[in-house]
Amino acid sequence: MFIQELLPDIFLRAACLTTFAMLWVVILVRVNGLRSFSKMTSFDFVMTVAIGSMLAGASQSTQWSGFLQTMLAMAMLFVVQYLSARIRKSSDTFKSLMQNKPILLMQNGQILHDALQKTRVAESDLIAKLREANVLDLSEVRAVILETTGDISVLHGKECDERLLSGVQKKGEQKSAVNK
């Protein structure tokens, strides 16, 4: 008898809170823009995970105060992301504090084992990424880059425009950058 009375309340609460929270996230994304859930920096990735966690928490709220606090916290995350993106865009110092530089893991068919060791990327993981990128011949790989987001980019073909390697830590730069 107790379960039969409680079940509709639990279902209705979960459905309503989840719907309200999802609509709130959609509104925040529409206000903040398309970049809201991009993975351009590690901060963006943390933002995405945090919003997902808060959405789950909001859906399970048992009191309105907790639900509203979660909604406000979501909005504040979007505000912080917006402000940090604006500051990062205008300040090279802030940009260097907020995000790492991408690191070269492979160049012109040669695996840079020192870079793999410093970034804790296993050679087997690198090879798997090469397979995902449809690399058929290691000599055709111009560069493999560990991006600031943790993604691995594979550039292969006959030539590589140097602009694509702009801002990437190269072999000699990695020792000093890791020791900082």
C-alpha atoms as a PDB file:
ATOM      1  CA  MET A   1       0.000   0.000   0.000  1.00  0.00           C
ATOM      2  CA  PHE A   2       2.805   2.455   0.961  1.00  0.00           C
ATOM      3  CA  ILE A   3       4.727   1.677  -2.243  1.00  0.00           C
ATOM      4  CA  GLN A   4       1.631   2.241  -4.423  1.00  0.00           C
ATOM      5  CA  GLU A   5       1.134   5.722  -2.951  1.00  0.00           C
ATOM      6  CA  LEU A   6       4.811   6.643  -3.132  1.00  0.00           C
ATOM      7  CA  LEU A   7       5.508   5.410  -6.678  1.00  0.00           C
ATOM      8  CA  PRO A   8       3.428   8.033  -8.575  1.00  0.00           C
ATOM      9  CA  ASP A   9       5.004  10.829  -6.492  1.00  0.00           C
ATOM     10  CA  ILE A  10       8.542   9.597  -7.209  1.00  0.00           C
ATOM     11  CA  PHE A  11       7.820   9.189 -10.916  1.00  0.00           C
ATOM     12  CA  LEU A  12       6.140  12.583 -11.237  1.00  0.00           C
ATOM     13  CA  ARG A  13       8.911  14.339  -9.294  1.00  0.00           C
ATOM     14  CA  ALA A  14      11.659  12.735 -11.408  1.00  0.00           C
ATOM     15  CA  ALA A  15       9.852  13.550 -14.666  1.00  0.00           C
ATOM     16  CA  CYS A  16       9.166  17.172 -13.723  1.00  0.00           C
ATOM     17  CA  LEU A  17      12.568  17.977 -12.246  1.00  0.00           C
ATOM     18  CA  THR A  18      14.430  16.337 -15.125  1.00  0.00           C
ATOM     19  CA  THR A  19      12.317  18.216 -17.672  1.00  0.00           C
ATOM     20  CA  PHE A  20      12.797  21.567 -15.907  1.00  0.00           C
ATOM     21  CA  ALA A  21      16.544  20.984 -15.537  1.00  0.00           C
ATOM     22  CA  MET A  22      16.963  19.996 -19.204  1.00  0.00           C
ATOM     23  CA  LEU A  23      15.006  23.043 -20.361  1.00  0.00           C
ATOM     24  CA  TRP A  24      17.187  25.226 -18.112  1.00  0.00           C
ATOM     25  CA  VAL A  25      20.361  23.793 -19.665  1.00  0.00           C
ATOM     26  CA  VAL A  26      18.966  24.407 -23.168  1.00  0.00           C
ATOM     27  CA  ILE A  27      18.163  28.016 -22.238  1.00  0.00           C
ATOM     28  CA  LEU A  28      21.651  28.527 -20.789  1.00  0.00           C
ATOM     29  CA  VAL A  29      23.280  27.071 -23.913  1.00  0.00           C
ATOM     30  CA  ARG A  30      21.139  29.290 -26.149  1.00  0.00           C
ATOM     31  CA  VAL A  31      22.163  32.372 -24.144  1.00  0.00           C
ATOM     32  CA  ASN A  32      25.849  31.407 -23.849  1.00  0.00           C
ATOM     33  CA  GLY A  33      26.251  30.218 -27.431  1.00  0.00           C
ATOM     34  CA  LEU A  34      27.457  27.220 -29.375  1.00  0.00           C
ATOM     35  CA  ARG A  35      30.796  27.058 -27.603  1.00  0.00           C
ATOM     36  CA  SER A  36      29.132  26.042 -24.328  1.00  0.00           C
ATOM     37  CA  PHE A  37      29.924  22.341 -24.648  1.00  0.00           C
ATOM     38  CA  SER A  38      32.919  22.479 -26.955  1.00  0.00           C
ATOM     39  CA  LYS A  39      36.104  20.723 -25.953  1.00  0.00           C
ATOM     40  CA  MET A  40      38.491  23.486 -26.926  1.00  0.00           C
ATOM     41  CA  THR A  41      40.214  23.615 -23.539  1.00  0.00           C
ATOM     42  CA  SER A  42      40.423  21.431 -20.460  1.00  0.00           C
ATOM     43  CA  PHE A  43      38.200  23.997 -18.713  1.00  0.00           C
ATOM     44  CA  ASP A  44      35.489  23.338 -21.319  1.00  0.00           C
ATOM     45  CA  PHE A  45      35.723  19.611 -20.679  1.00  0.00           C
ATOM     46  CA  VAL A  46      35.370  20.129 -16.915  1.00  0.00           C
ATOM     47  CA  MET A  47      32.394  22.396 -17.589  1.00  0.00           C
ATOM     48  CA  THR A  48      30.661  19.667 -19.608  1.00  0.00           C
ATOM     49  CA  VAL A  49      31.221  17.041 -16.923  1.00  0.00           C
ATOM     50  CA  ALA A  50      30.086  19.409 -14.157  1.00  0.00           C
ATOM     51  CA  ILE A  51      26.872  20.345 -15.966  1.00  0.00           C
ATOM     52  CA  GLY A  52      26.102  16.658 -16.529  1.00  0.00           C
ATOM     53  CA  SER A  53      26.662  15.929 -12.865  1.00  0.00           C
ATOM     54  CA  MET A  54      24.492  18.854 -11.801  1.00  0.00           C
ATOM     55  CA  LEU A  55      21.747  17.803 -14.194  1.00  0.00           C
ATOM     56  CA  ALA A  56      21.729  14.370 -12.588  1.00  0.00           C
ATOM     57  CA  GLY A  57      21.673  15.940  -9.131  1.00  0.00           C
ATOM     58  CA  ALA A  58      18.831  18.278 -10.046  1.00  0.00           C
ATOM     59  CA  SER A  59      16.791  15.343 -11.315  1.00  0.00           C
ATOM     60  CA  GLN A  60      17.148  13.655  -7.934  1.00  0.00           C
ATOM     61  CA  SER A  61      16.439  16.662  -5.729  1.00  0.00           C
ATOM     62  CA  THR A  62      14.134  16.049  -2.795  1.00  0.00           C
ATOM     63  CA  GLN A  63      13.619  19.703  -1.845  1.00  0.00           C
ATOM     64  CA  TRP A  64      12.988  22.805  -3.906  1.00  0.00           C
ATOM     65  CA  SER A  65      15.863  24.656  -2.244  1.00  0.00           C
ATOM     66  CA  GLY A  66      18.345  22.021  -3.414  1.00  0.00           C
ATOM     67  CA  PHE A  67      16.868  22.037  -6.908  1.00  0.00           C
ATOM     68  CA  LEU A  68      17.029  25.837  -7.177  1.00  0.00           C
ATOM     69  CA  GLN A  69      20.586  25.927  -5.818  1.00  0.00           C
ATOM     70  CA  THR A  70      21.610  23.435  -8.505  1.00  0.00           C
ATOM     71  CA  MET A  71      19.926  25.545 -11.216  1.00  0.00           C
ATOM     72  CA  LEU A  72      21.768  28.638  -9.977  1.00  0.00           C
ATOM     73  CA  ALA A  73      25.069  26.729  -9.857  1.00  0.00           C
ATOM     74  CA  MET A  74      24.574  25.664 -13.481  1.00  0.00           C
ATOM     75  CA  ALA A  75      24.006  29.280 -14.501  1.00  0.00           C
ATOM     76  CA  MET A  76      27.132  30.344 -12.611  1.00  0.00           C
ATOM     77  CA  LEU A  77      29.214  27.727 -14.425  1.00  0.00           C
ATOM     78  CA  PHE A  78      28.093  29.208 -17.732  1.00  0.00           C
ATOM     79  CA  VAL A  79      28.951  32.708 -16.480  1.00  0.00           C
ATOM     80  CA  VAL A  80      32.415  31.583 -15.357  1.00  0.00           C
ATOM     81  CA  GLN A  81      33.008  29.826 -18.688  1.00  0.00           C
ATOM     82  CA  TYR A  82      31.926  32.929 -20.615  1.00  0.00           C
ATOM     83  CA  LEU A  83      34.141  35.228 -18.551  1.00  0.00           C
ATOM     84  CA  SER A  84      37.159  32.942 -18.712  1.00  0.00           C
ATOM     85  CA  ALA A  85      36.805  32.651 -22.516  1.00  0.00           C
ATOM     86  CA  ARG A  86      36.655  36.442 -22.835  1.00  0.00           C
ATOM     87  CA  ILE A  87      39.677  36.963 -20.568  1.00  0.00           C
ATOM     88  CA  ARG A  88      41.616  34.142 -22.262  1.00  0.00           C
ATOM     89  CA  LYS A  89      40.954  35.773 -25.630  1.00  0.00           C
ATOM     90  CA  SER A  90      42.326  39.143 -24.509  1.00  0.00           C
ATOM     91  CA  SER A  91      45.191  38.062 -22.226  1.00  0.00           C
ATOM     92  CA  ASP A  92      48.053  35.815 -23.302  1.00  0.00           C
ATOM     93  CA  THR A  93      49.144  35.470 -19.676  1.00  0.00           C
ATOM     94  CA  PHE A  94      45.721  34.231 -18.567  1.00  0.00           C
ATOM     95  CA  LYS A  95      45.547  31.985 -21.624  1.00  0.00           C
ATOM     96  CA  SER A  96      48.866  30.333 -20.743  1.00  0.00           C
ATOM     97  CA  LEU A  97      47.692  29.820 -17.146  1.00  0.00           C
ATOM     98  CA  MET A  98      44.347  28.314 -18.211  1.00  0.00           C
ATOM     99  CA  GLN A  99      45.461  25.891 -20.888  1.00  0.00           C
ATOM    100  CA  ASN A 100      48.400  23.707 -21.788  1.00  0.00           C
ATOM    101  CA  LYS A 101      50.179  23.787 -25.106  1.00  0.00           C
ATOM    102  CA  PRO A 102      49.643  20.885 -27.494  1.00  0.00           C
ATOM    103  CA  ILE A 103      52.590  18.469 -27.634  1.00  0.00           C
ATOM    104  CA  LEU A 104      54.118  16.744 -30.635  1.00  0.00           C
ATOM    105  CA  LEU A 105      54.204  12.948 -30.182  1.00  0.00           C
ATOM    106  CA  MET A 106      55.314  11.933 -33.659  1.00  0.00           C
ATOM    107  CA  GLN A 107      56.910  13.820 -36.544  1.00  0.00           C
ATOM    108  CA  ASN A 108      57.696  12.773 -40.100  1.00  0.00           C
ATOM    109  CA  GLY A 109      57.152   9.083 -39.425  1.00  0.00           C
ATOM    110  CA  GLN A 110      59.254   9.035 -36.242  1.00  0.00           C
ATOM    111  CA  ILE A 111      57.740   8.333 -32.838  1.00  0.00           C
ATOM    112  CA  LEU A 112      59.056  10.772 -30.224  1.00  0.00           C
ATOM    113  CA  HIS A 113      59.497   8.392 -27.288  1.00  0.00           C
ATOM    114  CA  ASP A 114      60.588  11.157 -24.883  1.00  0.00           C
ATOM    115  CA  ALA A 115      57.315  12.991 -25.558  1.00  0.00           C
ATOM    116  CA  LEU A 116      55.311   9.784 -25.058  1.00  0.00           C
ATOM    117  CA  GLN A 117      57.027   9.209 -21.724  1.00  0.00           C
ATOM    118  CA  LYS A 118      56.547  12.787 -20.500  1.00  0.00           C
ATOM    119  CA  THR A 119      52.869  12.841 -21.480  1.00  0.00           C
ATOM    120  CA  ARG A 120      52.259   9.281 -20.219  1.00  0.00           C
ATOM    121  CA  VAL A 121      50.867   8.166 -23.579  1.00  0.00           C
ATOM    122  CA  ALA A 122      51.539   4.496 -24.303  1.00  0.00           C
ATOM    123  CA  GLU A 123      52.925   3.626 -27.724  1.00  0.00           C
ATOM    124  CA  SER A 124      50.059   1.154 -28.131  1.00  0.00           C
ATOM    125  CA  ASP A 125      47.571   4.043 -27.625  1.00  0.00           C
ATOM    126  CA  LEU A 126      49.426   6.081 -30.234  1.00  0.00           C
ATOM    127  CA  ILE A 127      49.295   3.172 -32.694  1.00  0.00           C
ATOM    128  CA  ALA A 128      45.560   2.763 -32.027  1.00  0.00           C
ATOM    129  CA  LYS A 129      45.015   6.454 -32.873  1.00  0.00           C
ATOM    130  CA  LEU A 130      47.016   6.003 -36.069  1.00  0.00           C
ATOM    131  CA  ARG A 131      44.746   3.106 -37.040  1.00  0.00           C
ATOM    132  CA  GLU A 132      41.656   5.219 -36.255  1.00  0.00           C
ATOM    133  CA  ALA A 133      43.020   7.883 -38.619  1.00  0.00           C
ATOM    134  CA  ASN A 134      43.434   5.262 -41.375  1.00  0.00           C
ATOM    135  CA  VAL A 135      47.210   5.572 -41.456  1.00  0.00           C
ATOM    136  CA  LEU A 136      48.597   2.837 -43.691  1.00  0.00           C
ATOM    137  CA  ASP A 137      52.257   3.822 -43.702  1.00  0.00           C
ATOM    138  CA  LEU A 138      54.095   5.466 -40.788  1.00  0.00           C
ATOM    139  CA  SER A 139      56.331   7.334 -43.215  1.00  0.00           C
ATOM    140  CA  GLU A 140      53.242   9.261 -44.389  1.00  0.00           C
ATOM    141  CA  VAL A 141      52.542  10.583 -40.868  1.00  0.00           C
ATOM    142  CA  ARG A 142      53.584  14.223 -40.756  1.00  0.00           C
ATOM    143  CA  ALA A 143      52.627  14.837 -37.120  1.00  0.00           C
ATOM    144  CA  VAL A 144      50.722  13.370 -34.195  1.00  0.00           C
ATOM    145  CA  ILE A 145      49.727  15.936 -31.603  1.00  0.00           C
ATOM    146  CA  LEU A 146      48.380  15.539 -28.067  1.00  0.00           C
ATOM    147  CA  GLU A 147      45.949  18.451 -27.990  1.00  0.00           C
ATOM    148  CA  THR A 148      45.152  20.606 -24.951  1.00  0.00           C
ATOM    149  CA  THR A 149      41.868  18.719 -24.551  1.00  0.00           C
ATOM    150  CA  GLY A 150      43.583  15.325 -24.353  1.00  0.00           C
ATOM    151  CA  ASP A 151      42.522  14.393 -27.881  1.00  0.00           C
ATOM    152  CA  ILE A 152      45.135  13.102 -30.300  1.00  0.00           C
ATOM    153  CA  SER A 153      45.271  14.604 -33.791  1.00  0.00           C
ATOM    154  CA  VAL A 154      46.936  12.708 -36.632  1.00  0.00           C
ATOM    155  CA  LEU A 155      48.157  14.646 -39.662  1.00  0.00           C
ATOM    156  CA  HIS A 156      49.191  12.438 -42.548  1.00  0.00           C
ATOM    157  CA  GLY A 157      49.764  12.773 -46.263  1.00  0.00           C
ATOM    158  CA  LYS A 158      52.481  14.050 -48.553  1.00  0.00           C
ATOM    159  CA  GLU A 159      52.961  17.470 -46.936  1.00  0.00           C
ATOM    160  CA  CYS A 160      51.951  19.395 -43.823  1.00  0.00           C
ATOM    161  CA  ASP A 161      51.400  23.142 -43.755  1.00  0.00           C
ATOM    162  CA  GLU A 162      53.555  24.579 -40.939  1.00  0.00           C
ATOM    163  CA  ARG A 163      50.598  26.684 -39.732  1.00  0.00           C
ATOM    164  CA  LEU A 164      48.998  23.448 -38.514  1.00  0.00           C
ATOM    165  CA  LEU A 165      51.899  23.030 -36.080  1.00  0.00           C
ATOM    166  CA  SER A 166      51.684  26.596 -34.786  1.00  0.00           C
ATOM    167  CA  GLY A 167      51.779  26.648 -30.980  1.00  0.00           C
ATOM    168  CA  VAL A 168      52.711  22.955 -30.698  1.00  0.00           C
ATOM    169  CA  GLN A 169      55.582  22.063 -28.351  1.00  0.00           C
ATOM    170  CA  LYS A 170      58.268  20.420 -30.404  1.00  0.00           C
ATOM    171  CA  LYS A 171      61.003  18.012 -29.316  1.00  0.00           C
ATOM    172  CA  GLY A 172      63.474  20.550 -27.859  1.00  0.00           C
ATOM    173  CA  GLU A 173      60.776  22.642 -26.155  1.00  0.00           C
ATOM    174  CA  GLN A 174      59.220  19.769 -24.229  1.00  0.00           C
ATOM    175  CA  LYS A 175      61.905  19.449 -21.554  1.00  0.00           C
ATOM    176  CA  SER A 176      61.649  23.069 -20.508  1.00  0.00           C
ATOM    177  CA  ALA A 177      57.844  23.130 -20.672  1.00  0.00           C
ATOM    178  CA  VAL A 178      57.422  20.013 -18.541  1.00  0.00           C
ATOM    179  CA  ASN A 179      59.876  21.249 -15.912  1.00  0.00           C
ATOM    180  CA  LYS A 180      58.042  24.571 -15.464  1.00  0.00           C
END
